[in-house]
Amino acid sequence: MNDRRSSSRFAAAVEPPRPRADADNGVRVLIADADGLARGMMRFALRNSDRIAAVHAAGNSREALEQARYFRPGVAILDAALPPRGGLELVRSLLSTVPDVRILTVSSVNDERTAIAALRAGAVGHIGKDVDPDGLAALVVRAVEGEVIVPQWVMPALLEALREVPDSGWRPLRSRLTTREWEIVEMLEEGGTTQRIAEQLVLSPMTVYSHT
């Protein structure tokens, strides 16, 4: 009898945490950033919010995917330059792994092209690393509640990109790129490597590189 009670207590002690927090208890957040100082600052800023249940951190894409599979975060904050292949590819991978995760990308410079590419990949917002730490938790909560987080400095470029999208597709109406160059651009957006694109289009890698 005592052995059974001891076994039960031991099982309870080693039982892994629940993959996801209940809605009433807040949201789980995953931070993926190669910069340890940036990870630490974001974790500290989020831990003070009663709307955040837990904050997990990863230093690269592989760790981020592993933690996402286990903890099933409600929000992920990804460095747009995350190694080894950049945060945009991770956006697509995370959405395949946790379809309902709300993804915010972050960058150290105000790069409109990166922000728009992240939104096209499936992110719901983009923030700069100069964001006020006291406001980071509020941005996470707004993302969970369905808002799109787009900084003011992104809006002009985003509006211009929207105006250039024809009804038949996303290619700009006025473009100096050839059809083949657009094929290469689209394959790069999907995460294709120079070698893979060259094989699919029956081109030399140097030809593909010259168009990128």
C-alpha atoms as a PDB file:
ATOM      1  CA  MET A   1       0.000   0.000   0.000  1.00  0.00           C
ATOM      2  CA  ASN A   2       2.753   2.407   0.936  1.00  0.00           C
ATOM      3  CA  ASP A   3       4.626   1.491  -2.241  1.00  0.00           C
ATOM      4  CA  ARG A   4       1.587   2.437  -4.345  1.00  0.00           C
ATOM      5  CA  ARG A   5       1.269   5.788  -2.561  1.00  0.00           C
ATOM      6  CA  SER A   6       4.973   6.483  -3.049  1.00  0.00           C
ATOM      7  CA  SER A   7       4.710   5.597  -6.723  1.00  0.00           C
ATOM      8  CA  SER A   8       1.749   7.936  -7.137  1.00  0.00           C
ATOM      9  CA  ARG A   9       3.589  10.796  -5.459  1.00  0.00           C
ATOM     10  CA  PHE A  10       6.656  10.150  -7.633  1.00  0.00           C
ATOM     11  CA  ALA A  11       4.563  10.084 -10.821  1.00  0.00           C
ATOM     12  CA  ALA A  12       2.971  13.402  -9.890  1.00  0.00           C
ATOM     13  CA  ALA A  13       6.382  14.912  -9.212  1.00  0.00           C
ATOM     14  CA  VAL A  14       7.823  13.994 -12.633  1.00  0.00           C
ATOM     15  CA  GLU A  15       4.683  14.609 -14.681  1.00  0.00           C
ATOM     16  CA  PRO A  16       5.572  17.074 -17.465  1.00  0.00           C
ATOM     17  CA  PRO A  17       3.808  20.433 -17.574  1.00  0.00           C
ATOM     18  CA  ARG A  18       0.648  20.731 -19.586  1.00  0.00           C
ATOM     19  CA  PRO A  19       1.431  21.677 -23.183  1.00  0.00           C
ATOM     20  CA  ARG A  20      -0.739  24.763 -23.145  1.00  0.00           C
ATOM     21  CA  ALA A  21      -2.172  27.060 -20.529  1.00  0.00           C
ATOM     22  CA  ASP A  22      -5.913  27.411 -20.132  1.00  0.00           C
ATOM     23  CA  ALA A  23      -7.376  30.636 -21.474  1.00  0.00           C
ATOM     24  CA  ASP A  24      -8.184  31.827 -17.947  1.00  0.00           C
ATOM     25  CA  ASN A  25      -4.566  31.361 -16.880  1.00  0.00           C
ATOM     26  CA  GLY A  26      -3.003  33.379 -19.669  1.00  0.00           C
ATOM     27  CA  VAL A  27      -1.048  32.637 -22.792  1.00  0.00           C
ATOM     28  CA  ARG A  28       2.220  30.831 -23.341  1.00  0.00           C
ATOM     29  CA  VAL A  29       4.815  32.828 -25.261  1.00  0.00           C
ATOM     30  CA  LEU A  30       7.792  31.482 -27.197  1.00  0.00           C
ATOM     31  CA  ILE A  31      10.750  33.798 -27.839  1.00  0.00           C
ATOM     32  CA  ALA A  32      13.228  32.761 -30.550  1.00  0.00           C
ATOM     33  CA  ASP A  33      16.275  35.009 -30.748  1.00  0.00           C
ATOM     34  CA  ALA A  34      19.974  34.243 -31.139  1.00  0.00           C
ATOM     35  CA  ASP A  35      20.845  37.238 -28.966  1.00  0.00           C
ATOM     36  CA  GLY A  36      20.873  36.024 -25.377  1.00  0.00           C
ATOM     37  CA  LEU A  37      20.599  39.552 -23.980  1.00  0.00           C
ATOM     38  CA  ALA A  38      17.564  40.283 -26.144  1.00  0.00           C
ATOM     39  CA  ARG A  39      15.927  37.010 -25.063  1.00  0.00           C
ATOM     40  CA  GLY A  40      16.516  37.836 -21.430  1.00  0.00           C
ATOM     41  CA  MET A  41      15.133  41.342 -21.698  1.00  0.00           C
ATOM     42  CA  MET A  42      11.980  40.170 -23.490  1.00  0.00           C
ATOM     43  CA  ARG A  43      11.422  37.379 -20.970  1.00  0.00           C
ATOM     44  CA  PHE A  44      11.796  39.829 -18.090  1.00  0.00           C
ATOM     45  CA  ALA A  45       9.367  42.273 -19.696  1.00  0.00           C
ATOM     46  CA  LEU A  46       6.725  39.585 -20.249  1.00  0.00           C
ATOM     47  CA  ARG A  47       6.950  37.878 -16.857  1.00  0.00           C
ATOM     48  CA  ASN A  48       5.450  40.897 -15.107  1.00  0.00           C
ATOM     49  CA  SER A  49       2.133  40.585 -16.976  1.00  0.00           C
ATOM     50  CA  ASP A  50      -0.742  38.692 -15.396  1.00  0.00           C
ATOM     51  CA  ARG A  51      -1.942  37.799 -18.913  1.00  0.00           C
ATOM     52  CA  ILE A  52       1.208  35.755 -19.626  1.00  0.00           C
ATOM     53  CA  ALA A  53       1.181  32.215 -18.236  1.00  0.00           C
ATOM     54  CA  ALA A  54       4.715  31.204 -19.221  1.00  0.00           C
ATOM     55  CA  VAL A  55       7.605  32.368 -21.373  1.00  0.00           C
ATOM     56  CA  HIS A  56       9.875  29.898 -23.165  1.00  0.00           C
ATOM     57  CA  ALA A  57      12.998  30.843 -25.103  1.00  0.00           C
ATOM     58  CA  ALA A  58      15.082  29.375 -27.920  1.00  0.00           C
ATOM     59  CA  GLY A  59      18.319  30.455 -29.553  1.00  0.00           C
ATOM     60  CA  ASN A  60      17.784  28.972 -33.005  1.00  0.00           C
ATOM     61  CA  SER A  61      15.113  27.578 -35.310  1.00  0.00           C
ATOM     62  CA  ARG A  62      15.576  23.951 -34.275  1.00  0.00           C
ATOM     63  CA  GLU A  63      15.098  24.735 -30.585  1.00  0.00           C
ATOM     64  CA  ALA A  64      12.117  26.940 -31.397  1.00  0.00           C
ATOM     65  CA  LEU A  65      10.347  24.158 -33.290  1.00  0.00           C
ATOM     66  CA  GLU A  66      11.054  21.628 -30.538  1.00  0.00           C
ATOM     67  CA  GLN A  67       9.619  23.914 -27.883  1.00  0.00           C
ATOM     68  CA  ALA A  68       6.642  24.821 -30.053  1.00  0.00           C
ATOM     69  CA  ARG A  69       5.745  21.153 -30.512  1.00  0.00           C
ATOM     70  CA  TYR A  70       5.846  20.560 -26.774  1.00  0.00           C
ATOM     71  CA  PHE A  71       4.502  23.763 -25.229  1.00  0.00           C
ATOM     72  CA  ARG A  72       2.060  24.788 -28.014  1.00  0.00           C
ATOM     73  CA  PRO A  73       2.525  28.555 -27.519  1.00  0.00           C
ATOM     74  CA  GLY A  74      -0.248  31.006 -28.233  1.00  0.00           C
ATOM     75  CA  VAL A  75       2.227  33.671 -29.372  1.00  0.00           C
ATOM     76  CA  ALA A  76       5.721  33.390 -30.816  1.00  0.00           C
ATOM     77  CA  ILE A  77       8.166  36.303 -31.053  1.00  0.00           C
ATOM     78  CA  LEU A  78      10.790  35.503 -33.698  1.00  0.00           C
ATOM     79  CA  ASP A  79      13.949  37.333 -34.647  1.00  0.00           C
ATOM     80  CA  ALA A  80      13.732  37.953 -38.401  1.00  0.00           C
ATOM     81  CA  ALA A  81      17.430  37.075 -38.713  1.00  0.00           C
ATOM     82  CA  LEU A  82      17.263  33.899 -36.610  1.00  0.00           C
ATOM     83  CA  PRO A  83      19.889  31.307 -37.613  1.00  0.00           C
ATOM     84  CA  PRO A  84      20.424  29.173 -39.481  1.00  0.00           C
ATOM     85  CA  ARG A  85      18.083  30.235 -42.316  1.00  0.00           C
ATOM     86  CA  GLY A  86      16.316  33.305 -41.013  1.00  0.00           C
ATOM     87  CA  GLY A  87      13.069  33.830 -39.179  1.00  0.00           C
ATOM     88  CA  LEU A  88      10.806  33.919 -42.237  1.00  0.00           C
ATOM     89  CA  GLU A  89      11.276  30.227 -42.927  1.00  0.00           C
ATOM     90  CA  LEU A  90      10.575  29.522 -39.261  1.00  0.00           C
ATOM     91  CA  VAL A  91       7.292  31.451 -39.536  1.00  0.00           C
ATOM     92  CA  ARG A  92       6.042  28.914 -42.086  1.00  0.00           C
ATOM     93  CA  SER A  93       7.365  25.937 -40.106  1.00  0.00           C
ATOM     94  CA  LEU A  94       5.748  27.110 -36.876  1.00  0.00           C
ATOM     95  CA  LEU A  95       2.394  27.623 -38.568  1.00  0.00           C
ATOM     96  CA  SER A  96       2.597  24.068 -39.893  1.00  0.00           C
ATOM     97  CA  THR A  97       3.401  22.782 -36.403  1.00  0.00           C
ATOM     98  CA  VAL A  98       1.031  25.006 -34.374  1.00  0.00           C
ATOM     99  CA  PRO A  99      -1.526  26.380 -36.859  1.00  0.00           C
ATOM    100  CA  ASP A 100      -3.227  28.726 -34.388  1.00  0.00           C
ATOM    101  CA  VAL A 101      -0.037  30.375 -33.062  1.00  0.00           C
ATOM    102  CA  ARG A 102       0.093  34.146 -33.463  1.00  0.00           C
ATOM    103  CA  ILE A 103       3.544  35.147 -34.716  1.00  0.00           C
ATOM    104  CA  LEU A 104       5.277  38.480 -34.223  1.00  0.00           C
ATOM    105  CA  THR A 105       8.628  39.017 -35.917  1.00  0.00           C
ATOM    106  CA  VAL A 106      11.220  41.397 -34.529  1.00  0.00           C
ATOM    107  CA  SER A 107      14.241  43.077 -36.079  1.00  0.00           C
ATOM    108  CA  SER A 108      17.017  45.338 -34.847  1.00  0.00           C
ATOM    109  CA  VAL A 109      16.616  47.790 -37.740  1.00  0.00           C
ATOM    110  CA  ASN A 110      13.532  49.326 -39.309  1.00  0.00           C
ATOM    111  CA  ASP A 111      13.491  47.292 -42.513  1.00  0.00           C
ATOM    112  CA  GLU A 112      10.161  47.622 -44.326  1.00  0.00           C
ATOM    113  CA  ARG A 113      10.936  44.802 -46.770  1.00  0.00           C
ATOM    114  CA  THR A 114      11.607  42.343 -43.951  1.00  0.00           C
ATOM    115  CA  ALA A 115       8.444  43.375 -42.123  1.00  0.00           C
ATOM    116  CA  ILE A 116       6.248  42.965 -45.215  1.00  0.00           C
ATOM    117  CA  ALA A 117       7.887  39.631 -46.100  1.00  0.00           C
ATOM    118  CA  ALA A 118       7.134  38.400 -42.576  1.00  0.00           C
ATOM    119  CA  LEU A 119       3.476  39.392 -42.912  1.00  0.00           C
ATOM    120  CA  ARG A 120       3.251  37.622 -46.257  1.00  0.00           C
ATOM    121  CA  ALA A 121       4.793  34.503 -44.685  1.00  0.00           C
ATOM    122  CA  GLY A 122       2.033  34.386 -42.055  1.00  0.00           C
ATOM    123  CA  ALA A 123       3.097  36.640 -39.184  1.00  0.00           C
ATOM    124  CA  VAL A 124       0.428  38.859 -37.624  1.00  0.00           C
ATOM    125  CA  GLY A 125       2.811  41.662 -36.806  1.00  0.00           C
ATOM    126  CA  HIS A 126       6.327  43.028 -36.720  1.00  0.00           C
ATOM    127  CA  ILE A 127       8.072  45.033 -34.011  1.00  0.00           C
ATOM    128  CA  GLY A 128      11.463  46.675 -33.654  1.00  0.00           C
ATOM    129  CA  LYS A 129      13.886  45.846 -30.866  1.00  0.00           C
ATOM    130  CA  ASP A 130      13.613  49.458 -29.765  1.00  0.00           C
ATOM    131  CA  VAL A 131      10.085  48.770 -28.535  1.00  0.00           C
ATOM    132  CA  ASP A 132       9.371  49.964 -24.993  1.00  0.00           C
ATOM    133  CA  PRO A 133       9.787  46.886 -22.738  1.00  0.00           C
ATOM    134  CA  ASP A 134       6.829  48.028 -20.662  1.00  0.00           C
ATOM    135  CA  GLY A 135       4.630  47.842 -23.754  1.00  0.00           C
ATOM    136  CA  LEU A 136       5.753  44.440 -25.050  1.00  0.00           C
ATOM    137  CA  ALA A 137       3.233  42.446 -23.005  1.00  0.00           C
ATOM    138  CA  ALA A 138       0.438  44.691 -24.247  1.00  0.00           C
ATOM    139  CA  LEU A 139       1.450  43.974 -27.859  1.00  0.00           C
ATOM    140  CA  VAL A 140       1.403  40.226 -27.146  1.00  0.00           C
ATOM    141  CA  VAL A 141      -2.078  40.468 -25.632  1.00  0.00           C
ATOM    142  CA  ARG A 142      -3.321  42.507 -28.599  1.00  0.00           C
ATOM    143  CA  ALA A 143      -1.952  39.851 -30.960  1.00  0.00           C
ATOM    144  CA  VAL A 144      -3.724  37.097 -29.001  1.00  0.00           C
ATOM    145  CA  GLU A 145      -6.971  39.039 -29.211  1.00  0.00           C
ATOM    146  CA  GLY A 146      -6.766  39.135 -32.992  1.00  0.00           C
ATOM    147  CA  GLU A 147      -5.089  42.451 -33.748  1.00  0.00           C
ATOM    148  CA  VAL A 148      -2.455  42.908 -36.433  1.00  0.00           C
ATOM    149  CA  ILE A 149       0.603  44.670 -35.022  1.00  0.00           C
ATOM    150  CA  VAL A 150       2.071  46.895 -37.732  1.00  0.00           C
ATOM    151  CA  PRO A 151       4.422  49.753 -36.752  1.00  0.00           C
ATOM    152  CA  GLN A 152       3.727  53.170 -38.208  1.00  0.00           C
ATOM    153  CA  TRP A 153       7.001  53.145 -40.157  1.00  0.00           C
ATOM    154  CA  VAL A 154       5.853  50.059 -42.082  1.00  0.00           C
ATOM    155  CA  MET A 155       2.521  51.511 -43.209  1.00  0.00           C
ATOM    156  CA  PRO A 156       3.685  53.596 -46.214  1.00  0.00           C
ATOM    157  CA  ALA A 157       5.587  50.670 -47.751  1.00  0.00           C
ATOM    158  CA  LEU A 158       2.720  48.284 -46.961  1.00  0.00           C
ATOM    159  CA  LEU A 159       0.142  50.534 -48.612  1.00  0.00           C
ATOM    160  CA  GLU A 160       2.354  50.919 -51.664  1.00  0.00           C
ATOM    161  CA  ALA A 161       2.763  47.146 -51.906  1.00  0.00           C
ATOM    162  CA  LEU A 162      -1.003  46.650 -51.676  1.00  0.00           C
ATOM    163  CA  ARG A 163      -1.635  49.161 -54.459  1.00  0.00           C
ATOM    164  CA  GLU A 164       0.779  47.281 -56.714  1.00  0.00           C
ATOM    165  CA  VAL A 165      -0.951  43.932 -56.294  1.00  0.00           C
ATOM    166  CA  PRO A 166      -3.103  43.171 -59.370  1.00  0.00           C
ATOM    167  CA  ASP A 167      -6.335  41.210 -59.122  1.00  0.00           C
ATOM    168  CA  SER A 168      -4.648  38.231 -60.778  1.00  0.00           C
ATOM    169  CA  GLY A 169      -1.791  37.921 -58.296  1.00  0.00           C
ATOM    170  CA  TRP A 170       0.756  39.649 -56.095  1.00  0.00           C
ATOM    171  CA  ARG A 171       3.286  40.672 -58.759  1.00  0.00           C
ATOM    172  CA  PRO A 172       3.517  44.466 -59.173  1.00  0.00           C
ATOM    173  CA  LEU A 173       1.726  45.906 -62.181  1.00  0.00           C
ATOM    174  CA  ARG A 174       4.852  47.845 -63.156  1.00  0.00           C
ATOM    175  CA  SER A 175       7.951  45.741 -62.818  1.00  0.00           C
ATOM    176  CA  ARG A 176      11.303  45.534 -64.588  1.00  0.00           C
ATOM    177  CA  LEU A 177      11.646  41.836 -63.695  1.00  0.00           C
ATOM    178  CA  THR A 178      11.178  39.190 -66.353  1.00  0.00           C
ATOM    179  CA  THR A 179       8.799  36.252 -65.941  1.00  0.00           C
ATOM    180  CA  ARG A 180      11.748  33.948 -65.179  1.00  0.00           C
ATOM    181  CA  GLU A 181      13.076  36.399 -62.583  1.00  0.00           C
ATOM    182  CA  TRP A 182       9.660  36.456 -60.915  1.00  0.00           C
ATOM    183  CA  GLU A 183       9.688  32.646 -60.816  1.00  0.00           C
ATOM    184  CA  ILE A 184      12.990  32.761 -58.984  1.00  0.00           C
ATOM    185  CA  VAL A 185      11.736  35.456 -56.579  1.00  0.00           C
ATOM    186  CA  GLU A 186       8.639  33.401 -55.730  1.00  0.00           C
ATOM    187  CA  MET A 187      10.698  30.257 -55.142  1.00  0.00           C
ATOM    188  CA  LEU A 188      13.048  32.193 -52.867  1.00  0.00           C
ATOM    189  CA  GLU A 189      10.028  33.478 -50.916  1.00  0.00           C
ATOM    190  CA  GLU A 190       9.002  29.836 -50.421  1.00  0.00           C
ATOM    191  CA  GLY A 191      12.389  29.044 -48.889  1.00  0.00           C
ATOM    192  CA  GLY A 192      14.117  27.569 -51.934  1.00  0.00           C
ATOM    193  CA  THR A 193      17.910  27.497 -52.042  1.00  0.00           C
ATOM    194  CA  THR A 194      19.962  28.580 -55.057  1.00  0.00           C
ATOM    195  CA  GLN A 195      20.912  24.957 -55.804  1.00  0.00           C
ATOM    196  CA  ARG A 196      17.326  23.694 -55.496  1.00  0.00           C
ATOM    197  CA  ILE A 197      15.950  26.453 -57.720  1.00  0.00           C
ATOM    198  CA  ALA A 198      18.640  25.783 -60.331  1.00  0.00           C
ATOM    199  CA  GLU A 199      17.690  22.096 -60.433  1.00  0.00           C
ATOM    200  CA  GLN A 200      13.951  22.788 -60.728  1.00  0.00           C
ATOM    201  CA  LEU A 201      14.328  25.413 -63.472  1.00  0.00           C
ATOM    202  CA  VAL A 202      17.170  23.564 -65.223  1.00  0.00           C
ATOM    203  CA  LEU A 203      19.535  26.499 -64.793  1.00  0.00           C
ATOM    204  CA  SER A 204      23.071  26.828 -63.509  1.00  0.00           C
ATOM    205  CA  PRO A 205      23.387  28.023 -59.890  1.00  0.00           C
ATOM    206  CA  MET A 206      25.353  31.039 -61.169  1.00  0.00           C
ATOM    207  CA  THR A 207      22.396  32.048 -63.377  1.00  0.00           C
ATOM    208  CA  VAL A 208      20.013  31.830 -60.419  1.00  0.00           C
ATOM    209  CA  TYR A 209      22.428  33.805 -58.261  1.00  0.00           C
ATOM    210  CA  SER A 210      22.649  36.571 -60.850  1.00  0.00           C
ATOM    211  CA  HIS A 211      18.866  37.085 -60.591  1.00  0.00           C
ATOM    212  CA  THR A 212      18.792  37.331 -56.780  1.00  0.00           C
END
